[in-house]
Amino acid sequence: STSLPRIHVALVGIEKLLPRLSDLSGFLQLI
């Protein structure tokens, strides 16, 4: 859905942020 259509719209709640890229690996495993 994010690769084939010519337009991609991502709807994101403002609380979904993480500060650093290094945080992401931990949260990906945790979720």
All heavy atoms as atom14 arrays in JSON, in Angstrom:
{
  "sequence": "STSLPRIHVALVGIEKLLPRLSDLSGFLQLI",
  "atom14_mask": [
    [1, 1, 1, 1, 1, 1, 0, 0, 0, 0, 0, 0, 0, 0],
    [1, 1, 1, 1, 1, 1, 1, 0, 0, 0, 0, 0, 0, 0],
    [1, 1, 1, 1, 1, 1, 0, 0, 0, 0, 0, 0, 0, 0],
    [1, 1, 1, 1, 1, 1, 1, 1, 0, 0, 0, 0, 0, 0],
    [1, 1, 1, 1, 1, 1, 1, 0, 0, 0, 0, 0, 0, 0],
    [1, 1, 1, 1, 1, 1, 1, 1, 1, 1, 1, 0, 0, 0],
    [1, 1, 1, 1, 1, 1, 1, 1, 0, 0, 0, 0, 0, 0],
    [1, 1, 1, 1, 1, 1, 1, 1, 1, 1, 0, 0, 0, 0],
    [1, 1, 1, 1, 1, 1, 1, 0, 0, 0, 0, 0, 0, 0],
    [1, 1, 1, 1, 1, 0, 0, 0, 0, 0, 0, 0, 0, 0],
    [1, 1, 1, 1, 1, 1, 1, 1, 0, 0, 0, 0, 0, 0],
    [1, 1, 1, 1, 1, 1, 1, 0, 0, 0, 0, 0, 0, 0],
    [1, 1, 1, 1, 0, 0, 0, 0, 0, 0, 0, 0, 0, 0],
    [1, 1, 1, 1, 1, 1, 1, 1, 0, 0, 0, 0, 0, 0],
    [1, 1, 1, 1, 1, 1, 1, 1, 1, 0, 0, 0, 0, 0],
    [1, 1, 1, 1, 1, 1, 1, 1, 1, 0, 0, 0, 0, 0],
    [1, 1, 1, 1, 1, 1, 1, 1, 0, 0, 0, 0, 0, 0],
    [1, 1, 1, 1, 1, 1, 1, 1, 0, 0, 0, 0, 0, 0],
    [1, 1, 1, 1, 1, 1, 1, 0, 0, 0, 0, 0, 0, 0],
    [1, 1, 1, 1, 1, 1, 1, 1, 1, 1, 1, 0, 0, 0],
    [1, 1, 1, 1, 1, 1, 1, 1, 0, 0, 0, 0, 0, 0],
    [1, 1, 1, 1, 1, 1, 0, 0, 0, 0, 0, 0, 0, 0],
    [1, 1, 1, 1, 1, 1, 1, 1, 0, 0, 0, 0, 0, 0],
    [1, 1, 1, 1, 1, 1, 1, 1, 0, 0, 0, 0, 0, 0],
    [1, 1, 1, 1, 1, 1, 0, 0, 0, 0, 0, 0, 0, 0],
    [1, 1, 1, 1, 0, 0, 0, 0, 0, 0, 0, 0, 0, 0],
    [1, 1, 1, 1, 1, 1, 1, 1, 1, 1, 1, 0, 0, 0],
    [1, 1, 1, 1, 1, 1, 1, 1, 0, 0, 0, 0, 0, 0],
    [1, 1, 1, 1, 1, 1, 1, 1, 1, 0, 0, 0, 0, 0],
    [1, 1, 1, 1, 1, 1, 1, 1, 0, 0, 0, 0, 0, 0],
    [1, 1, 1, 1, 1, 1, 1, 1, 0, 0, 0, 0, 0, 0]
  ],
  "atom14_positions": [
    [[0.82, -1.21, 0.0], [0.0, 0.0, 0.0], [0.85, 1.26, 0.0], [0.41, 2.32, -0.47], [-0.93, 0.01, 1.21], [-1.84, -1.07, 1.18], [0.0, 0.0, 0.0], [0.0, 0.0, 0.0], [0.0, 0.0, 0.0], [0.0, 0.0, 0.0], [0.0, 0.0, 0.0], [0.0, 0.0, 0.0], [0.0, 0.0, 0.0], [0.0, 0.0, 0.0]],
    [[2.06, 1.17, 0.52], [2.94, 2.35, 0.57], [3.89, 2.41, -0.63], [4.58, 3.42, -0.8], [3.78, 2.34, 1.86], [4.6, 1.17, 1.89], [2.89, 2.36, 3.09], [0.0, 0.0, 0.0], [0.0, 0.0, 0.0], [0.0, 0.0, 0.0], [0.0, 0.0, 0.0], [0.0, 0.0, 0.0], [0.0, 0.0, 0.0], [0.0, 0.0, 0.0]],
    [[3.94, 1.35, -1.43], [4.93, 1.29, -2.52], [4.34, 1.48, -3.9], [4.93, 2.13, -4.75], [5.67, -0.06, -2.48], [6.33, -0.24, -1.26], [0.0, 0.0, 0.0], [0.0, 0.0, 0.0], [0.0, 0.0, 0.0], [0.0, 0.0, 0.0], [0.0, 0.0, 0.0], [0.0, 0.0, 0.0], [0.0, 0.0, 0.0], [0.0, 0.0, 0.0]],
    [[3.15, 0.9, -4.16], [2.61, 0.93, -5.51], [1.83, 2.19, -5.86], [2.02, 2.74, -6.95], [1.74, -0.31, -5.74], [2.47, -1.65, -5.78], [1.49, -2.78, -6.1], [3.59, -1.62, -6.81], [0.0, 0.0, 0.0], [0.0, 0.0, 0.0], [0.0, 0.0, 0.0], [0.0, 0.0, 0.0], [0.0, 0.0, 0.0], [0.0, 0.0, 0.0]],
    [[0.92, 2.68, -5.02], [0.18, 3.89, -5.38], [1.09, 5.11, -5.51], [2.13, 5.19, -4.87], [-0.81, 4.06, -4.23], [-0.92, 2.71, -3.6], [0.44, 2.11, -3.74], [0.0, 0.0, 0.0], [0.0, 0.0, 0.0], [0.0, 0.0, 0.0], [0.0, 0.0, 0.0], [0.0, 0.0, 0.0], [0.0, 0.0, 0.0], [0.0, 0.0, 0.0]],
    [[0.67, 6.06, -6.34], [1.51, 7.24, -6.56], [1.48, 8.22, -5.4], [2.33, 9.12, -5.31], [1.1, 7.94, -7.86], [-0.36, 8.2, -8.03], [-0.71, 8.59, -9.48], [-2.14, 8.6, -9.72], [-2.92, 9.66, -9.53], [-2.39, 10.79, -9.11], [-4.21, 9.6, -9.77], [0.0, 0.0, 0.0], [0.0, 0.0, 0.0], [0.0, 0.0, 0.0]],
    [[0.5, 8.07, -4.5], [0.4, 8.95, -3.33], [0.29, 8.09, -2.08], [-0.49, 7.14, -2.03], [-0.84, 9.87, -3.43], [-0.84, 10.67, -4.72], [-0.92, 10.8, -2.22], [-2.15, 11.36, -5.0], [0.0, 0.0, 0.0], [0.0, 0.0, 0.0], [0.0, 0.0, 0.0], [0.0, 0.0, 0.0], [0.0, 0.0, 0.0], [0.0, 0.0, 0.0]],
    [[1.09, 8.43, -1.07], [1.0, 7.75, 0.22], [0.65, 8.79, 1.28], [1.33, 9.82, 1.41], [2.32, 7.06, 0.59], [2.34, 6.49, 1.98], [3.51, 6.26, 2.67], [1.34, 6.09, 2.81], [3.23, 5.77, 3.86], [1.92, 5.66, 3.97], [0.0, 0.0, 0.0], [0.0, 0.0, 0.0], [0.0, 0.0, 0.0], [0.0, 0.0, 0.0]],
    [[-0.43, 8.54, 2.02], [-0.83, 9.41, 3.13], [-0.7, 8.61, 4.42], [-1.33, 7.55, 4.56], [-2.28, 9.91, 2.97], [-2.69, 10.76, 4.17], [-2.43, 10.71, 1.67], [0.0, 0.0, 0.0], [0.0, 0.0, 0.0], [0.0, 0.0, 0.0], [0.0, 0.0, 0.0], [0.0, 0.0, 0.0], [0.0, 0.0, 0.0], [0.0, 0.0, 0.0]],
    [[0.12, 9.09, 5.34], [0.3, 8.45, 6.65], [-0.38, 9.3, 7.71], [-0.02, 10.46, 7.9], [1.78, 8.28, 6.97], [0.0, 0.0, 0.0], [0.0, 0.0, 0.0], [0.0, 0.0, 0.0], [0.0, 0.0, 0.0], [0.0, 0.0, 0.0], [0.0, 0.0, 0.0], [0.0, 0.0, 0.0], [0.0, 0.0, 0.0], [0.0, 0.0, 0.0]],
    [[-1.38, 8.73, 8.36], [-2.1, 9.42, 9.44], [-1.47, 9.0, 10.77], [-1.45, 7.82, 11.11], [-3.58, 9.04, 9.42], [-4.32, 9.3, 8.11], [-5.73, 8.71, 8.17], [-4.39, 10.79, 7.81], [0.0, 0.0, 0.0], [0.0, 0.0, 0.0], [0.0, 0.0, 0.0], [0.0, 0.0, 0.0], [0.0, 0.0, 0.0], [0.0, 0.0, 0.0]],
    [[-0.96, 9.98, 11.51], [-0.19, 9.66, 12.72], [-0.65, 10.54, 13.88], [-0.68, 11.77, 13.76], [1.32, 9.9, 12.49], [2.12, 9.34, 13.65], [1.79, 9.31, 11.17], [0.0, 0.0, 0.0], [0.0, 0.0, 0.0], [0.0, 0.0, 0.0], [0.0, 0.0, 0.0], [0.0, 0.0, 0.0], [0.0, 0.0, 0.0], [0.0, 0.0, 0.0]],
    [[-1.01, 9.92, 14.99], [-1.3, 10.68, 16.2], [-0.02, 11.3, 16.73], [1.05, 10.7, 16.66], [0.0, 0.0, 0.0], [0.0, 0.0, 0.0], [0.0, 0.0, 0.0], [0.0, 0.0, 0.0], [0.0, 0.0, 0.0], [0.0, 0.0, 0.0], [0.0, 0.0, 0.0], [0.0, 0.0, 0.0], [0.0, 0.0, 0.0], [0.0, 0.0, 0.0]],
    [[-0.11, 12.51, 17.28], [1.09, 13.23, 17.69], [1.82, 12.52, 18.83], [3.0, 12.81, 19.09], [0.76, 14.67, 18.11], [-0.28, 14.68, 19.24], [0.3, 15.48, 16.92], [-0.55, 16.07, 19.8], [0.0, 0.0, 0.0], [0.0, 0.0, 0.0], [0.0, 0.0, 0.0], [0.0, 0.0, 0.0], [0.0, 0.0, 0.0], [0.0, 0.0, 0.0]],
    [[1.16, 11.57, 19.5], [1.82, 10.85, 20.6], [2.66, 9.69, 20.11], [3.35, 9.06, 20.91], [0.76, 10.34, 21.59], [0.05, 9.06, 21.21], [-1.06, 9.23, 20.19], [-1.15, 10.31, 19.56], [-1.84, 8.28, 20.0], [0.0, 0.0, 0.0], [0.0, 0.0, 0.0], [0.0, 0.0, 0.0], [0.0, 0.0, 0.0], [0.0, 0.0, 0.0]],
    [[2.65, 9.38, 18.81], [3.33, 8.2, 18.29], [4.84, 8.41, 18.08], [5.52, 7.51, 17.6], [2.7, 7.78, 16.96], [1.32, 7.15, 17.1], [1.4, 5.84, 17.85], [0.11, 5.05, 17.78], [-0.11, 4.43, 16.47], [0.0, 0.0, 0.0], [0.0, 0.0, 0.0], [0.0, 0.0, 0.0], [0.0, 0.0, 0.0], [0.0, 0.0, 0.0]],
    [[5.37, 9.56, 18.43], [6.78, 9.85, 18.19], [7.69, 9.07, 19.13], [7.3, 8.68, 20.24], [7.07, 11.34, 18.37], [6.93, 12.21, 17.11], [5.5, 12.24, 16.63], [7.45, 13.62, 17.38], [0.0, 0.0, 0.0], [0.0, 0.0, 0.0], [0.0, 0.0, 0.0], [0.0, 0.0, 0.0], [0.0, 0.0, 0.0], [0.0, 0.0, 0.0]],
    [[8.93, 8.84, 18.65], [10.05, 8.41, 19.47], [11.17, 9.42, 19.28], [11.34, 9.96, 18.18], [10.54, 7.02, 19.05], [9.59, 5.84, 19.29], [10.21, 4.56, 18.75], [9.25, 5.68, 20.76], [0.0, 0.0, 0.0], [0.0, 0.0, 0.0], [0.0, 0.0, 0.0], [0.0, 0.0, 0.0], [0.0, 0.0, 0.0], [0.0, 0.0, 0.0]],
    [[11.96, 9.7, 20.31], [13.0, 10.72, 20.17], [14.11, 10.35, 19.2], [14.46, 11.13, 18.32], [13.55, 10.89, 21.59], [12.47, 10.38, 22.49], [11.81, 9.27, 21.72], [0.0, 0.0, 0.0], [0.0, 0.0, 0.0], [0.0, 0.0, 0.0], [0.0, 0.0, 0.0], [0.0, 0.0, 0.0], [0.0, 0.0, 0.0], [0.0, 0.0, 0.0]],
    [[14.68, 9.14, 19.34], [15.9, 8.78, 18.6], [15.7, 7.49, 17.81], [14.9, 6.63, 18.19], [17.07, 8.6, 19.57], [17.43, 9.86, 20.34], [18.4, 9.54, 21.47], [17.8, 8.62, 22.44], [17.04, 9.01, 23.46], [16.78, 10.29, 23.65], [16.53, 8.11, 24.3], [0.0, 0.0, 0.0], [0.0, 0.0, 0.0], [0.0, 0.0, 0.0]],
    [[16.49, 7.34, 16.75], [16.43, 6.12, 15.96], [16.87, 4.92, 16.8], [16.38, 3.81, 16.61], [17.31, 6.25, 14.72], [17.22, 5.11, 13.7], [15.81, 4.99, 13.15], [18.23, 5.31, 12.57], [0.0, 0.0, 0.0], [0.0, 0.0, 0.0], [0.0, 0.0, 0.0], [0.0, 0.0, 0.0], [0.0, 0.0, 0.0], [0.0, 0.0, 0.0]],
    [[17.79, 5.13, 17.73], [18.25, 4.02, 18.59], [17.14, 3.51, 19.5], [17.21, 2.38, 19.99], [19.44, 4.48, 19.43], [19.1, 5.59, 20.24], [0.0, 0.0, 0.0], [0.0, 0.0, 0.0], [0.0, 0.0, 0.0], [0.0, 0.0, 0.0], [0.0, 0.0, 0.0], [0.0, 0.0, 0.0], [0.0, 0.0, 0.0], [0.0, 0.0, 0.0]],
    [[16.09, 4.32, 19.74], [14.96, 3.86, 20.54], [14.1, 2.86, 19.77], [13.42, 2.02, 20.36], [14.07, 5.03, 20.96], [14.78, 6.05, 21.82], [15.61, 5.63, 22.65], [14.52, 7.26, 21.67], [0.0, 0.0, 0.0], [0.0, 0.0, 0.0], [0.0, 0.0, 0.0], [0.0, 0.0, 0.0], [0.0, 0.0, 0.0], [0.0, 0.0, 0.0]],
    [[14.12, 2.98, 18.44], [13.17, 2.24, 17.62], [13.35, 0.73, 17.74], [12.36, -0.02, 17.83], [13.3, 2.67, 16.16], [12.34, 2.01, 15.18], [10.89, 2.27, 15.56], [12.62, 2.5, 13.75], [0.0, 0.0, 0.0], [0.0, 0.0, 0.0], [0.0, 0.0, 0.0], [0.0, 0.0, 0.0], [0.0, 0.0, 0.0], [0.0, 0.0, 0.0]],
    [[14.59, 0.25, 17.75], [14.8, -1.2, 17.78], [14.18, -1.83, 19.02], [13.59, -2.91, 18.96], [16.3, -1.51, 17.7], [16.99, -0.96, 18.82], [0.0, 0.0, 0.0], [0.0, 0.0, 0.0], [0.0, 0.0, 0.0], [0.0, 0.0, 0.0], [0.0, 0.0, 0.0], [0.0, 0.0, 0.0], [0.0, 0.0, 0.0], [0.0, 0.0, 0.0]],
    [[14.31, -1.16, 20.16], [13.71, -1.69, 21.38], [12.2, -1.72, 21.31], [11.56, -2.7, 21.71], [0.0, 0.0, 0.0], [0.0, 0.0, 0.0], [0.0, 0.0, 0.0], [0.0, 0.0, 0.0], [0.0, 0.0, 0.0], [0.0, 0.0, 0.0], [0.0, 0.0, 0.0], [0.0, 0.0, 0.0], [0.0, 0.0, 0.0], [0.0, 0.0, 0.0]],
    [[11.6, -0.66, 20.79], [10.14, -0.61, 20.71], [9.59, -1.58, 19.68], [8.5, -2.13, 19.86], [9.68, 0.82, 20.41], [9.55, 1.67, 21.63], [10.61, 2.43, 22.09], [8.37, 1.69, 22.37], [10.5, 3.21, 23.23], [8.23, 2.45, 23.51], [9.31, 3.21, 23.95], [0.0, 0.0, 0.0], [0.0, 0.0, 0.0], [0.0, 0.0, 0.0]],
    [[10.32, -1.81, 18.59], [9.86, -2.79, 17.61], [9.79, -4.19, 18.22], [8.86, -4.96, 17.95], [10.8, -2.8, 16.4], [10.75, -1.58, 15.48], [11.81, -1.68, 14.4], [9.35, -1.44, 14.84], [0.0, 0.0, 0.0], [0.0, 0.0, 0.0], [0.0, 0.0, 0.0], [0.0, 0.0, 0.0], [0.0, 0.0, 0.0], [0.0, 0.0, 0.0]],
    [[10.77, -4.53, 19.05], [10.75, -5.83, 19.72], [9.69, -5.88, 20.81], [9.02, -6.9, 21.0], [12.12, -6.12, 20.32], [13.22, -6.27, 19.27], [14.59, -6.41, 19.92], [14.92, -7.46, 20.48], [15.4, -5.36, 19.85], [0.0, 0.0, 0.0], [0.0, 0.0, 0.0], [0.0, 0.0, 0.0], [0.0, 0.0, 0.0], [0.0, 0.0, 0.0]],
    [[9.53, -4.76, 21.51], [8.58, -4.73, 22.62], [7.14, -4.85, 22.13], [6.33, -5.6, 22.69], [8.76, -3.44, 23.42], [8.15, -3.4, 24.82], [8.73, -4.5, 25.68], [8.39, -2.04, 25.45], [0.0, 0.0, 0.0], [0.0, 0.0, 0.0], [0.0, 0.0, 0.0], [0.0, 0.0, 0.0], [0.0, 0.0, 0.0], [0.0, 0.0, 0.0]],
    [[6.8, -4.14, 21.06], [5.42, -4.19, 20.57], [5.11, -5.55, 19.98], [4.0, -6.08, 20.14], [5.16, -3.06, 19.54], [3.65, -2.95, 19.27], [5.91, -3.28, 18.24], [3.27, -1.76, 18.41], [0.0, 0.0, 0.0], [0.0, 0.0, 0.0], [0.0, 0.0, 0.0], [0.0, 0.0, 0.0], [0.0, 0.0, 0.0], [0.0, 0.0, 0.0]]
  ]
}
